Every structure is written in structure tokens, then in C-alpha cells.
Amino acid sequence: TVTGVQTCALPICNSNAWYDGEAVTVCYEYLDDIWKNVPEQTTPEGVSPIDALIGPMVDVFLHEVGHAVFDMLEVPLFGREEDAADQFSILIMLHFKGDEARRLILGNAFQYRNEVQSQSVSMAVKKFADDHGTPAQRYYNVLCMAYGADKELFADFVEKGMLPRSRAEGCDD
């Protein structure tokens, strides 16, 4: 305590986001990393620069809010909480109007695909022990949930080969 003001040590932020039982924190550095990965032009898959920025930003906030909802409502989870938080985020995005949902989903998927493609060395086996899925798993999970929710709106995911037909067959489950 300094002259009646209580001080506390803030966690080092770096490029991270979390829910700590009281608040959702998204570090500026995390948002800056998203900004650095925005393409200069619309990608061949139709991801515009603004979608590549907004999709991951909405995702990170919704993902962390998912953790808060699970905690506050004492939601029982079967499987990894990080996967459930990803699914929560995607589910909320899919409740936006058709084109808006599509743009958010594409922007979010772009983030994971970009992370996979930027890895110049093979992934360490230890990465598979992480609470979060690998970027490739998260990429395909985003596409699969969207395709399973609306096969017409997201049909091009399969047509363009972004989502393998073998995976798409079970996405509506």
C-alpha cells in the first residue's frame, strides 16, 4: 500500500489473452500480432484485409468470454475447455447474419491457416500436449462447424478444397 492506494502486480501480457475468474484480458500485443498478419489484398479464398483483422479479434474476445460463461454458469464440459471455448466463439459468430457470419468465420480461419503456413520447422511433439488444439486442428474445426451449420453459405469451403470432403461429411453432426 502506498499512501492509502493498494497496488498490485499486473501479469506480463506479451501476446496473450485469458479469463482469470474476474475479467477477460486481451493484450494489445495480441491485437498487434493479428494486425501484422493482415494481408495487403483480398486473398484468393475471399478473405479481405478487414475480415482478417476483425474475424480473429472477435474470436479472441468470444473465446475468452466462453471461458467466463463456463465458469460463471458452472457449465460441465466434456473434453478440453479450450476446444469448448473455440466452439463457443464459432457458434456465436454463426448467429450473425449470413454474410457477416461468413466474413467472421473466414477471417478467423485465415488466422489459423496463416499460423500453420508460417511454421518453417516441424512442430515439436510437446505442442500436442498443449491445452489448445494445434493451429491446423483449429483451422479445420472452424471450417467444419461453419459448413455443418449452413452447407449452402459455406459450400465453397469444400468446392475450393479448403475443407476436405472426407471431413465435411461429418460436420453437420
C-alpha atoms as a PDB file:
ATOM      1  CA  THR A   1       0.000   0.000   0.000  1.00  0.00           C
ATOM      2  CA  VAL A   2       1.334   3.404  -0.977  1.00  0.00           C
ATOM      3  CA  THR A   3      -0.380   6.385   0.689  1.00  0.00           C
ATOM      4  CA  GLY A   4      -3.666   4.518   1.017  1.00  0.00           C
ATOM      5  CA  VAL A   5      -3.664   3.214  -2.572  1.00  0.00           C
ATOM      6  CA  GLN A   6      -3.352  -0.507  -2.944  1.00  0.00           C
ATOM      7  CA  THR A   7      -1.155  -1.558  -5.813  1.00  0.00           C
ATOM      8  CA  CYS A   8      -0.926  -4.941  -7.414  1.00  0.00           C
ATOM      9  CA  ALA A   9       1.433  -6.501  -9.869  1.00  0.00           C
ATOM     10  CA  LEU A  10      -0.174  -6.931 -13.257  1.00  0.00           C
ATOM     11  CA  PRO A  11       0.705 -10.085 -15.148  1.00  0.00           C
ATOM     12  CA  ILE A  12       3.134  -9.710 -18.011  1.00  0.00           C
ATOM     13  CA  CYS A  13       0.977  -9.500 -21.058  1.00  0.00           C
ATOM     14  CA  ASN A  14       3.060 -10.275 -24.124  1.00  0.00           C
ATOM     15  CA  SER A  15       0.872 -11.624 -26.917  1.00  0.00           C
ATOM     16  CA  ASN A  16      -1.840 -13.356 -24.927  1.00  0.00           C
ATOM     17  CA  ALA A  17      -5.463 -13.360 -23.781  1.00  0.00           C
ATOM     18  CA  TRP A  18      -7.170 -15.015 -20.809  1.00  0.00           C
ATOM     19  CA  TYR A  19     -10.056 -15.131 -18.363  1.00  0.00           C
ATOM     20  CA  ASP A  20      -8.908 -15.169 -14.734  1.00  0.00           C
ATOM     21  CA  GLY A  21     -12.160 -15.677 -12.868  1.00  0.00           C
ATOM     22  CA  GLU A  22     -12.890 -11.963 -12.691  1.00  0.00           C
ATOM     23  CA  ALA A  23     -12.180 -10.388 -16.057  1.00  0.00           C
ATOM     24  CA  VAL A  24     -11.296 -11.118 -19.653  1.00  0.00           C
ATOM     25  CA  THR A  25      -7.918  -9.691 -20.636  1.00  0.00           C
ATOM     26  CA  VAL A  26      -6.759  -9.319 -24.222  1.00  0.00           C
ATOM     27  CA  CYS A  27      -3.297  -7.823 -24.549  1.00  0.00           C
ATOM     28  CA  TYR A  28      -2.569  -5.044 -27.012  1.00  0.00           C
ATOM     29  CA  GLU A  29       0.370  -7.115 -28.223  1.00  0.00           C
ATOM     30  CA  TYR A  30      -2.027  -9.911 -29.179  1.00  0.00           C
ATOM     31  CA  LEU A  31      -4.122  -7.483 -31.203  1.00  0.00           C
ATOM     32  CA  ASP A  32      -0.946  -6.083 -32.758  1.00  0.00           C
ATOM     33  CA  ASP A  33       0.076  -9.594 -33.823  1.00  0.00           C
ATOM     34  CA  ILE A  34      -3.291 -10.014 -35.532  1.00  0.00           C
ATOM     35  CA  TRP A  35      -2.776  -6.664 -37.283  1.00  0.00           C
ATOM     36  CA  LYS A  36       0.682  -7.731 -38.500  1.00  0.00           C
ATOM     37  CA  ASN A  37      -0.800 -10.808 -40.195  1.00  0.00           C
ATOM     38  CA  VAL A  38      -3.467  -8.971 -42.188  1.00  0.00           C
ATOM     39  CA  PRO A  39      -2.983  -9.471 -45.947  1.00  0.00           C
ATOM     40  CA  GLU A  40      -2.495  -6.399 -48.109  1.00  0.00           C
ATOM     41  CA  GLN A  41      -5.190  -7.544 -50.559  1.00  0.00           C
ATOM     42  CA  THR A  42      -8.164  -9.864 -50.563  1.00  0.00           C
ATOM     43  CA  THR A  43      -6.921 -13.472 -50.655  1.00  0.00           C
ATOM     44  CA  PRO A  44      -7.937 -15.966 -53.377  1.00  0.00           C
ATOM     45  CA  GLU A  45     -10.284 -17.542 -50.786  1.00  0.00           C
ATOM     46  CA  GLY A  46     -12.079 -14.192 -50.460  1.00  0.00           C
ATOM     47  CA  VAL A  47     -10.655 -13.027 -47.135  1.00  0.00           C
ATOM     48  CA  SER A  48     -10.462  -9.237 -47.226  1.00  0.00           C
ATOM     49  CA  PRO A  49      -7.917  -7.363 -45.090  1.00  0.00           C
ATOM     50  CA  ILE A  50     -10.666  -6.083 -42.764  1.00  0.00           C
ATOM     51  CA  ASP A  51     -12.077  -9.612 -42.333  1.00  0.00           C
ATOM     52  CA  ALA A  52      -8.595 -10.943 -41.499  1.00  0.00           C
ATOM     53  CA  LEU A  53      -8.454  -8.304 -38.762  1.00  0.00           C
ATOM     54  CA  ILE A  54     -11.998  -8.409 -37.378  1.00  0.00           C
ATOM     55  CA  GLY A  55     -12.534 -12.208 -37.505  1.00  0.00           C
ATOM     56  CA  PRO A  56      -9.625 -13.082 -35.177  1.00  0.00           C
ATOM     57  CA  MET A  57     -10.350 -10.079 -32.929  1.00  0.00           C
ATOM     58  CA  VAL A  58     -13.963 -11.139 -32.438  1.00  0.00           C
ATOM     59  CA  ASP A  59     -12.801 -14.725 -31.964  1.00  0.00           C
ATOM     60  CA  VAL A  60     -10.324 -13.976 -29.188  1.00  0.00           C
ATOM     61  CA  PHE A  61     -12.879 -11.979 -27.200  1.00  0.00           C
ATOM     62  CA  LEU A  62     -15.639 -14.561 -27.694  1.00  0.00           C
ATOM     63  CA  HIS A  63     -13.232 -17.415 -26.861  1.00  0.00           C
ATOM     64  CA  GLU A  64     -12.322 -15.803 -23.539  1.00  0.00           C
ATOM     65  CA  VAL A  65     -15.960 -14.895 -22.835  1.00  0.00           C
ATOM     66  CA  GLY A  66     -16.688 -18.587 -23.402  1.00  0.00           C
ATOM     67  CA  HIS A  67     -14.340 -19.416 -20.522  1.00  0.00           C
ATOM     68  CA  ALA A  68     -16.173 -16.846 -18.377  1.00  0.00           C
ATOM     69  CA  VAL A  69     -19.592 -18.291 -19.269  1.00  0.00           C
ATOM     70  CA  PHE A  70     -18.432 -21.827 -18.448  1.00  0.00           C
ATOM     71  CA  ASP A  71     -17.083 -20.608 -15.112  1.00  0.00           C
ATOM     72  CA  MET A  72     -19.969 -18.352 -14.070  1.00  0.00           C
ATOM     73  CA  LEU A  73     -22.704 -20.766 -15.122  1.00  0.00           C
ATOM     74  CA  GLU A  74     -20.741 -23.825 -13.982  1.00  0.00           C
ATOM     75  CA  VAL A  75     -21.206 -25.450 -17.384  1.00  0.00           C
ATOM     76  CA  PRO A  76     -19.978 -29.050 -17.364  1.00  0.00           C
ATOM     77  CA  LEU A  77     -17.584 -29.711 -20.222  1.00  0.00           C
ATOM     78  CA  PHE A  78     -16.712 -32.990 -21.869  1.00  0.00           C
ATOM     79  CA  GLY A  79     -13.273 -32.706 -23.411  1.00  0.00           C
ATOM     80  CA  ARG A  80     -10.812 -29.844 -23.364  1.00  0.00           C
ATOM     81  CA  GLU A  81     -12.069 -26.470 -22.181  1.00  0.00           C
ATOM     82  CA  GLU A  82     -10.027 -24.723 -24.878  1.00  0.00           C
ATOM     83  CA  ASP A  83     -11.856 -26.679 -27.584  1.00  0.00           C
ATOM     84  CA  ALA A  84     -15.178 -25.789 -25.966  1.00  0.00           C
ATOM     85  CA  ALA A  85     -14.192 -22.094 -25.881  1.00  0.00           C
ATOM     86  CA  ASP A  86     -13.303 -22.276 -29.590  1.00  0.00           C
ATOM     87  CA  GLN A  87     -16.682 -23.878 -30.304  1.00  0.00           C
ATOM     88  CA  PHE A  88     -18.473 -21.235 -28.212  1.00  0.00           C
ATOM     89  CA  SER A  89     -16.806 -18.495 -30.255  1.00  0.00           C
ATOM     90  CA  ILE A  90     -17.684 -20.104 -33.589  1.00  0.00           C
ATOM     91  CA  LEU A  91     -21.269 -20.764 -32.503  1.00  0.00           C
ATOM     92  CA  ILE A  92     -21.784 -17.107 -31.556  1.00  0.00           C
ATOM     93  CA  MET A  93     -20.228 -15.950 -34.866  1.00  0.00           C
ATOM     94  CA  LEU A  94     -22.619 -18.229 -36.763  1.00  0.00           C
ATOM     95  CA  HIS A  95     -25.554 -16.365 -35.194  1.00  0.00           C
ATOM     96  CA  PHE A  96     -24.652 -13.189 -37.090  1.00  0.00           C
ATOM     97  CA  LYS A  97     -26.468 -12.554 -40.395  1.00  0.00           C
ATOM     98  CA  GLY A  98     -25.297 -14.793 -43.259  1.00  0.00           C
ATOM     99  CA  ASP A  99     -22.669 -12.611 -44.926  1.00  0.00           C
ATOM    100  CA  GLU A 100     -21.408 -11.199 -41.624  1.00  0.00           C
ATOM    101  CA  ALA A 101     -21.052 -14.714 -40.184  1.00  0.00           C
ATOM    102  CA  ARG A 102     -19.210 -15.807 -43.308  1.00  0.00           C
ATOM    103  CA  ARG A 103     -16.776 -12.910 -43.114  1.00  0.00           C
ATOM    104  CA  LEU A 104     -16.053 -13.507 -39.422  1.00  0.00           C
ATOM    105  CA  ILE A 105     -15.554 -17.244 -39.983  1.00  0.00           C
ATOM    106  CA  LEU A 106     -13.265 -16.712 -42.983  1.00  0.00           C
ATOM    107  CA  GLY A 107     -11.219 -14.100 -41.124  1.00  0.00           C
ATOM    108  CA  ASN A 108     -10.900 -16.364 -38.107  1.00  0.00           C
ATOM    109  CA  ALA A 109      -9.914 -19.384 -40.211  1.00  0.00           C
ATOM    110  CA  PHE A 110      -7.375 -17.212 -42.057  1.00  0.00           C
ATOM    111  CA  GLN A 111      -5.589 -16.565 -38.760  1.00  0.00           C
ATOM    112  CA  TYR A 112      -5.117 -20.296 -38.090  1.00  0.00           C
ATOM    113  CA  ARG A 113      -4.168 -21.147 -41.676  1.00  0.00           C
ATOM    114  CA  ASN A 114      -1.660 -18.306 -41.688  1.00  0.00           C
ATOM    115  CA  GLU A 115      -0.132 -19.652 -38.465  1.00  0.00           C
ATOM    116  CA  VAL A 116       0.187 -23.130 -39.969  1.00  0.00           C
ATOM    117  CA  GLN A 117       1.747 -21.838 -43.168  1.00  0.00           C
ATOM    118  CA  SER A 118       4.229 -19.618 -41.323  1.00  0.00           C
ATOM    119  CA  GLN A 119       5.781 -22.516 -39.427  1.00  0.00           C
ATOM    120  CA  SER A 120       9.112 -23.148 -41.120  1.00  0.00           C
ATOM    121  CA  VAL A 121      10.129 -26.086 -38.933  1.00  0.00           C
ATOM    122  CA  SER A 122       8.199 -29.165 -37.928  1.00  0.00           C
ATOM    123  CA  MET A 123       6.064 -28.845 -34.826  1.00  0.00           C
ATOM    124  CA  ALA A 124       7.574 -30.126 -31.599  1.00  0.00           C
ATOM    125  CA  VAL A 125       5.787 -33.157 -30.176  1.00  0.00           C
ATOM    126  CA  LYS A 126       5.326 -31.171 -26.938  1.00  0.00           C
ATOM    127  CA  LYS A 127       2.909 -28.841 -28.786  1.00  0.00           C
ATOM    128  CA  PHE A 128       0.386 -31.705 -28.883  1.00  0.00           C
ATOM    129  CA  ALA A 129       0.241 -31.631 -25.063  1.00  0.00           C
ATOM    130  CA  ASP A 130      -0.960 -28.007 -25.052  1.00  0.00           C
ATOM    131  CA  ASP A 131      -4.456 -27.170 -23.762  1.00  0.00           C
ATOM    132  CA  HIS A 132      -5.215 -25.593 -27.146  1.00  0.00           C
ATOM    133  CA  GLY A 133      -5.540 -27.574 -30.347  1.00  0.00           C
ATOM    134  CA  THR A 134      -2.840 -27.106 -32.951  1.00  0.00           C
ATOM    135  CA  PRO A 135      -3.395 -24.272 -35.441  1.00  0.00           C
ATOM    136  CA  ALA A 136      -4.238 -26.836 -38.146  1.00  0.00           C
ATOM    137  CA  GLN A 137      -6.840 -28.533 -35.951  1.00  0.00           C
ATOM    138  CA  ARG A 138      -8.392 -25.207 -35.026  1.00  0.00           C
ATOM    139  CA  TYR A 139      -8.462 -24.149 -38.707  1.00  0.00           C
ATOM    140  CA  TYR A 140     -10.357 -27.256 -39.792  1.00  0.00           C
ATOM    141  CA  ASN A 141     -12.663 -27.114 -36.761  1.00  0.00           C
ATOM    142  CA  VAL A 142     -13.700 -23.546 -37.653  1.00  0.00           C
ATOM    143  CA  LEU A 143     -14.445 -24.535 -41.258  1.00  0.00           C
ATOM    144  CA  CYS A 144     -16.232 -27.750 -40.243  1.00  0.00           C
ATOM    145  CA  MET A 145     -18.530 -26.085 -37.702  1.00  0.00           C
ATOM    146  CA  ALA A 146     -19.459 -23.381 -40.190  1.00  0.00           C
ATOM    147  CA  TYR A 147     -20.054 -25.853 -43.026  1.00  0.00           C
ATOM    148  CA  GLY A 148     -22.099 -28.121 -40.753  1.00  0.00           C
ATOM    149  CA  ALA A 149     -24.253 -25.165 -39.673  1.00  0.00           C
ATOM    150  CA  ASP A 150     -25.007 -23.909 -43.206  1.00  0.00           C
ATOM    151  CA  LYS A 151     -23.915 -26.047 -46.160  1.00  0.00           C
ATOM    152  CA  GLU A 152     -25.164 -23.504 -48.704  1.00  0.00           C
ATOM    153  CA  LEU A 153     -23.456 -20.451 -47.243  1.00  0.00           C
ATOM    154  CA  PHE A 154     -20.168 -22.297 -46.745  1.00  0.00           C
ATOM    155  CA  ALA A 155     -20.346 -24.709 -49.728  1.00  0.00           C
ATOM    156  CA  ASP A 156     -17.232 -23.215 -51.303  1.00  0.00           C
ATOM    157  CA  PHE A 157     -15.144 -24.436 -48.352  1.00  0.00           C
ATOM    158  CA  VAL A 158     -15.486 -27.921 -49.856  1.00  0.00           C
ATOM    159  CA  GLU A 159     -15.643 -26.823 -53.513  1.00  0.00           C
ATOM    160  CA  LYS A 160     -12.351 -24.896 -53.197  1.00  0.00           C
ATOM    161  CA  GLY A 161     -10.690 -27.718 -51.248  1.00  0.00           C
ATOM    162  CA  MET A 162     -10.280 -25.709 -48.060  1.00  0.00           C
ATOM    163  CA  LEU A 163     -12.226 -28.399 -46.174  1.00  0.00           C
ATOM    164  CA  PRO A 164     -11.630 -31.989 -47.357  1.00  0.00           C
ATOM    165  CA  ARG A 165     -14.807 -33.817 -48.415  1.00  0.00           C
ATOM    166  CA  SER A 166     -13.951 -36.658 -46.036  1.00  0.00           C
ATOM    167  CA  ARG A 167     -14.063 -34.221 -43.103  1.00  0.00           C
ATOM    168  CA  ALA A 168     -17.078 -32.308 -44.420  1.00  0.00           C
ATOM    169  CA  GLU A 169     -19.241 -35.446 -44.409  1.00  0.00           C
ATOM    170  CA  GLY A 170     -19.450 -35.431 -40.613  1.00  0.00           C
ATOM    171  CA  CYS A 171     -19.561 -31.682 -39.998  1.00  0.00           C
ATOM    172  CA  ASP A 172     -23.324 -31.468 -39.556  1.00  0.00           C
ATOM    173  CA  ASP A 173     -23.005 -33.779 -36.542  1.00  0.00           C
END
